[in-house]
Amino acid sequence: MRKGWAAVIQQRTKQRIGVDLIAWAVQITAAVVAAISGNSSGDTGGGIFASSFVGGPNVSIVNSTISGNSARTSGGGISNVGSSFHVESSTITGNSAGSGGGICNDGGQSVVEISNTILNAGALGANIFNSGGTVTSIGYNLSHHWSA
């Protein structure tokens, strides 16, 4: 088991997958990230990308802000593919993508759990887009999505 911590990750651009915080077939617990903001990806996961093809990593984001990130296709703030992803006591705001401006949860084994978190969609894509995975609200979340 690994623990991760980062103070600020901001204003980076990736051509394909946003790898500013990436979990790929490893176990990460209690990743306390003060802020992930202003990052972009030409494909998926502008701020955070979590993926595994076998069993998936476990990722927890606690007391963090994920804001102003973008991805061309999916997961402006967070892209989760085949992982177990927990967000607690955090703010996900102003992120944009074609699908899932805030969070894109993609694939049958993908699990997202959210608790005590503020979600505020950006200019493009809903707060959460779920494609075949499971999204569970543990409770005490506040969600707002502007519509044109």
Protein backbone atom coordinates (compact mmCIF):
# COMPACT_ATOMS: atom_id res chain seq x y z
CA MET A 1 0.00 0.00 0.00
CA ARG A 2 1.26 3.46 -0.89
CA LYS A 3 0.32 6.85 0.44
CA GLY A 4 0.53 9.91 -1.76
CA TRP A 5 0.57 13.62 -1.02
CA ALA A 6 0.98 16.68 -3.20
CA ALA A 7 0.62 20.35 -2.32
CA VAL A 8 -0.37 21.91 -5.66
CA ILE A 9 -0.49 20.56 -9.18
CA GLN A 10 -1.39 23.21 -11.71
CA GLN A 11 -1.23 24.48 -15.27
CA ARG A 12 0.08 21.44 -17.07
CA THR A 13 -0.95 20.27 -20.52
CA LYS A 14 -0.81 16.65 -21.69
CA GLN A 15 -1.31 15.52 -25.28
CA ARG A 16 -3.23 12.35 -24.40
CA ILE A 17 -3.83 11.35 -20.79
CA GLY A 18 -3.63 13.84 -17.94
CA VAL A 19 -1.07 12.31 -15.62
CA ASP A 20 -0.74 15.00 -13.00
CA LEU A 21 -1.97 12.47 -10.46
CA ILE A 22 -2.07 9.00 -11.94
CA ALA A 23 -2.83 5.60 -10.46
CA TRP A 24 -2.14 2.68 -12.74
CA ALA A 25 -2.45 -0.80 -11.24
CA VAL A 26 -1.11 0.29 -7.85
CA GLN A 27 -2.78 0.89 -4.50
CA ILE A 28 -2.95 4.47 -3.29
CA THR A 29 -4.69 5.40 -0.06
CA ALA A 30 -5.31 8.75 1.57
CA ALA A 31 -3.95 10.94 -1.20
CA VAL A 32 -4.30 14.36 0.39
CA VAL A 33 -3.95 16.88 -2.41
CA ALA A 34 -4.41 20.53 -1.53
CA ALA A 35 -5.22 21.55 -5.13
CA ILE A 36 -5.18 20.22 -8.67
CA SER A 37 -6.05 23.13 -10.94
CA GLY A 38 -5.64 24.54 -14.42
CA ASN A 39 -4.43 21.31 -16.06
CA SER A 40 -5.53 19.98 -19.44
CA SER A 41 -5.41 16.78 -21.46
CA GLY A 42 -5.86 16.19 -25.18
CA ASP A 43 -7.77 13.01 -24.35
CA THR A 44 -8.94 12.03 -20.84
CA GLY A 45 -8.25 12.87 -17.20
CA GLY A 46 -7.35 16.55 -17.19
CA GLY A 47 -6.63 16.60 -13.44
CA ILE A 48 -6.55 12.96 -12.26
CA PHE A 49 -6.45 9.72 -14.23
CA ALA A 50 -6.98 6.39 -12.43
CA SER A 51 -6.99 3.19 -14.44
CA SER A 52 -6.31 -0.49 -14.35
CA PHE A 53 -7.16 -3.36 -16.64
CA VAL A 54 -6.98 -5.98 -13.87
CA GLY A 55 -8.67 -5.30 -10.55
CA GLY A 56 -7.92 -1.60 -10.46
CA PRO A 57 -6.14 0.55 -7.91
CA ASN A 58 -7.91 2.04 -4.91
CA VAL A 59 -7.65 5.82 -4.81
CA SER A 60 -8.92 8.16 -2.07
CA ILE A 61 -8.90 11.94 -2.43
CA VAL A 62 -9.56 13.77 0.86
CA ASN A 63 -9.80 17.49 1.77
CA SER A 64 -8.85 18.59 -1.73
CA THR A 65 -9.88 20.99 -4.49
CA ILE A 66 -9.96 19.85 -8.11
CA SER A 67 -10.77 22.90 -10.23
CA GLY A 68 -10.39 24.49 -13.65
CA ASN A 69 -9.09 21.33 -15.35
CA SER A 70 -10.13 20.19 -18.81
CA ALA A 71 -9.98 17.16 -21.09
CA ARG A 72 -10.96 16.91 -24.72
CA THR A 73 -13.01 13.71 -24.41
CA SER A 74 -13.78 12.74 -20.80
CA GLY A 75 -13.03 13.38 -17.16
CA GLY A 76 -12.03 17.03 -16.99
CA GLY A 77 -11.40 16.79 -13.25
CA ILE A 78 -11.20 13.01 -12.72
CA SER A 79 -11.20 10.10 -15.15
CA ASN A 80 -11.72 6.70 -13.54
CA VAL A 81 -11.40 3.55 -15.66
CA GLY A 82 -11.62 0.21 -13.83
CA SER A 83 -10.63 1.56 -10.41
CA SER A 84 -12.21 2.09 -7.02
CA PHE A 85 -12.19 5.86 -6.40
CA HIS A 86 -13.33 7.63 -3.21
CA VAL A 87 -13.73 11.41 -2.87
CA GLU A 88 -14.32 12.83 0.60
CA SER A 89 -14.64 16.36 1.99
CA SER A 90 -13.50 17.92 -1.28
CA THR A 91 -14.55 20.44 -3.92
CA ILE A 92 -14.76 19.57 -7.62
CA THR A 93 -15.57 22.76 -9.53
CA GLY A 94 -15.20 24.42 -12.92
CA ASN A 95 -13.81 21.34 -14.72
CA SER A 96 -14.80 20.68 -18.35
CA ALA A 97 -14.81 17.75 -20.79
CA GLY A 98 -16.97 16.27 -23.54
CA SER A 99 -18.25 13.67 -21.04
CA GLY A 100 -18.02 14.14 -17.30
CA GLY A 101 -16.65 17.60 -16.78
CA GLY A 102 -16.15 16.86 -13.08
CA ILE A 103 -15.88 13.05 -13.02
CA CYS A 104 -16.05 10.41 -15.75
CA ASN A 105 -16.55 6.87 -14.41
CA ASP A 106 -16.04 4.41 -17.24
CA GLY A 107 -16.27 0.62 -17.27
CA GLY A 108 -18.03 -2.21 -15.44
CA GLN A 109 -15.48 -2.49 -12.61
CA SER A 110 -15.23 1.28 -12.09
CA VAL A 111 -16.55 2.47 -8.74
CA VAL A 112 -16.82 6.07 -7.51
CA GLU A 113 -17.97 6.91 -3.99
CA ILE A 114 -18.52 10.54 -2.99
CA SER A 115 -19.11 11.96 0.47
CA ASN A 116 -19.25 15.46 1.94
CA THR A 117 -18.20 16.94 -1.41
CA ILE A 118 -19.20 20.02 -3.44
CA LEU A 119 -19.65 19.49 -7.19
CA ASN A 120 -20.06 22.46 -9.54
CA ALA A 121 -19.90 21.75 -13.27
CA GLY A 122 -17.76 23.77 -15.66
CA ALA A 123 -18.64 25.07 -19.11
CA LEU A 124 -18.76 21.62 -20.78
CA GLY A 125 -19.88 18.25 -19.41
CA ALA A 126 -21.98 17.30 -16.41
CA ASN A 127 -20.67 16.98 -12.87
CA ILE A 128 -20.60 13.16 -13.19
CA PHE A 129 -20.86 10.96 -16.28
CA ASN A 130 -21.22 7.23 -15.58
CA SER A 131 -20.71 4.71 -18.36
CA GLY A 132 -21.27 1.17 -17.08
CA GLY A 133 -19.67 1.61 -13.64
CA THR A 134 -21.14 2.37 -10.21
CA VAL A 135 -21.44 5.81 -8.63
CA THR A 136 -22.59 6.02 -5.00
CA SER A 137 -23.31 9.07 -2.89
CA ILE A 138 -22.42 8.28 0.71
CA GLY A 139 -24.19 11.53 1.64
CA TYR A 140 -23.77 15.20 2.52
CA ASN A 141 -22.90 16.26 -1.04
CA LEU A 142 -23.87 19.53 -2.72
CA SER A 143 -24.21 19.44 -6.50
CA HIS A 144 -24.98 22.19 -8.99
CA HIS A 145 -24.99 22.09 -12.76
CA TRP A 146 -25.68 25.11 -14.93
CA SER A 147 -27.80 24.47 -18.01
CA ALA A 148 -28.10 26.73 -21.02
